Protein backbone atom coordinates (compact mmCIF):
# COMPACT_ATOMS: atom_id res chain seq x y z
CA MET A 1 0.19 28.55 -37.64
CA LYS A 2 -3.21 30.05 -38.63
CA HIS A 3 -6.21 29.36 -36.61
CA ALA A 4 -9.66 29.36 -38.31
CA GLU A 5 -11.97 32.01 -36.98
CA ALA A 6 -15.06 30.82 -35.09
CA ARG A 7 -18.10 30.97 -37.32
CA PRO A 8 -21.21 32.45 -35.78
CA HIS A 9 -23.47 29.60 -37.11
CA ASP A 10 -21.05 26.82 -36.40
CA ASP A 11 -23.19 25.81 -33.33
CA PRO A 12 -26.36 23.89 -34.28
CA GLU A 13 -28.37 25.76 -31.72
CA ALA A 14 -27.27 29.23 -32.84
CA ALA A 15 -27.97 28.23 -36.35
CA ALA A 16 -31.44 26.90 -35.38
CA ARG A 17 -32.41 30.10 -33.61
CA LYS A 18 -31.22 32.17 -36.56
CA LEU A 19 -33.43 29.90 -38.95
CA LEU A 20 -36.46 30.63 -36.57
CA GLU A 21 -35.76 34.24 -36.64
CA LEU A 22 -35.61 34.15 -40.48
CA ALA A 23 -38.75 32.01 -40.67
CA ALA A 24 -40.71 34.46 -38.33
CA ASN A 25 -39.98 37.48 -40.78
CA VAL A 26 -41.19 35.60 -43.85
CA PRO A 27 -44.85 35.67 -44.50
CA ALA A 28 -46.52 32.26 -44.42
CA VAL A 29 -48.54 31.07 -47.43
CA GLN A 30 -51.43 28.61 -47.30
CA ASP A 31 -51.66 26.84 -43.95
CA GLY A 32 -48.65 28.36 -42.42
CA ARG A 33 -46.20 27.15 -44.94
CA ILE A 34 -42.88 28.91 -45.37
CA TYR A 35 -41.09 27.82 -48.51
CA ILE A 36 -37.64 26.46 -47.60
CA GLU A 37 -35.83 28.78 -50.11
CA ARG A 38 -37.18 31.71 -48.28
CA ILE A 39 -34.99 30.81 -45.30
CA ASN A 40 -32.38 28.98 -47.04
CA ALA A 41 -31.22 31.84 -49.43
CA PRO A 42 -30.78 34.62 -46.68
CA PHE A 43 -29.03 32.14 -44.38
CA LEU A 44 -26.61 31.05 -47.06
CA PHE A 45 -26.08 34.31 -49.02
CA THR A 46 -26.77 37.16 -46.85
CA LEU A 47 -25.37 35.70 -43.64
CA LYS A 48 -22.61 33.69 -45.56
CA ALA A 49 -23.23 30.54 -43.67
CA LYS A 50 -22.38 27.05 -44.98
CA GLY A 51 -24.79 24.37 -46.20
CA SER A 52 -23.64 22.06 -43.44
CA GLU A 53 -24.50 24.84 -40.90
CA PHE A 54 -28.04 25.15 -42.51
CA ARG A 55 -28.62 21.38 -42.26
CA ALA A 56 -27.32 21.15 -38.70
CA GLY A 57 -29.48 24.03 -37.67
CA LEU A 58 -32.60 22.77 -39.39
CA ARG A 59 -32.20 19.32 -37.87
CA TYR A 60 -31.74 20.90 -34.49
CA ALA A 61 -34.96 22.92 -34.84
CA ILE A 62 -36.87 19.89 -36.02
CA GLU A 63 -35.59 17.91 -33.18
CA ARG A 64 -36.63 20.45 -30.46
CA GLY A 65 -40.16 20.90 -32.20
CA TRP A 66 -39.55 24.29 -33.19
CA LEU A 67 -39.96 23.75 -37.07
CA GLU A 68 -41.77 21.13 -38.93
CA LEU A 69 -40.35 20.00 -42.35
CA HIS A 70 -42.68 18.67 -44.93
CA GLU A 71 -41.67 15.19 -46.23
CA SER A 72 -41.10 16.79 -49.61
CA GLY A 73 -38.47 19.12 -48.22
CA THR A 74 -40.19 22.24 -49.97
CA TYR A 75 -41.54 24.00 -47.00
CA VAL A 76 -41.43 24.28 -43.10
CA ARG A 77 -43.88 25.35 -40.50
CA LEU A 78 -42.92 27.42 -37.41
CA LEU A 79 -44.43 25.35 -34.52
CA THR A 80 -45.73 27.05 -31.22
CA PRO A 81 -42.54 26.15 -29.21
CA GLY A 82 -40.49 27.80 -31.89
CA LYS A 83 -42.81 30.91 -31.77
CA GLU A 84 -42.43 31.13 -28.04
CA LEU A 85 -38.64 31.22 -28.19
CA LEU A 86 -39.04 34.43 -30.47
CA THR A 87 -41.30 36.37 -27.88
């Protein structure tokens, strides 16, 4: 019987913290906006995470007040509690 390997971003908190790290390394545009694809692409393609892990991490970060997602879904803002986690 084969057992599936544990994925590093399977835990929503771990995924959320990685998203914060990625967001902090992206230069924000107007008014602190970080386009969602600037964190989505590295998370999915460089880190080889799944879309479900991205959604769970994003939801976790929003619920904790670390990130703010615009209603259009096109950008996020890194909020003060999220910035404090990175220091």
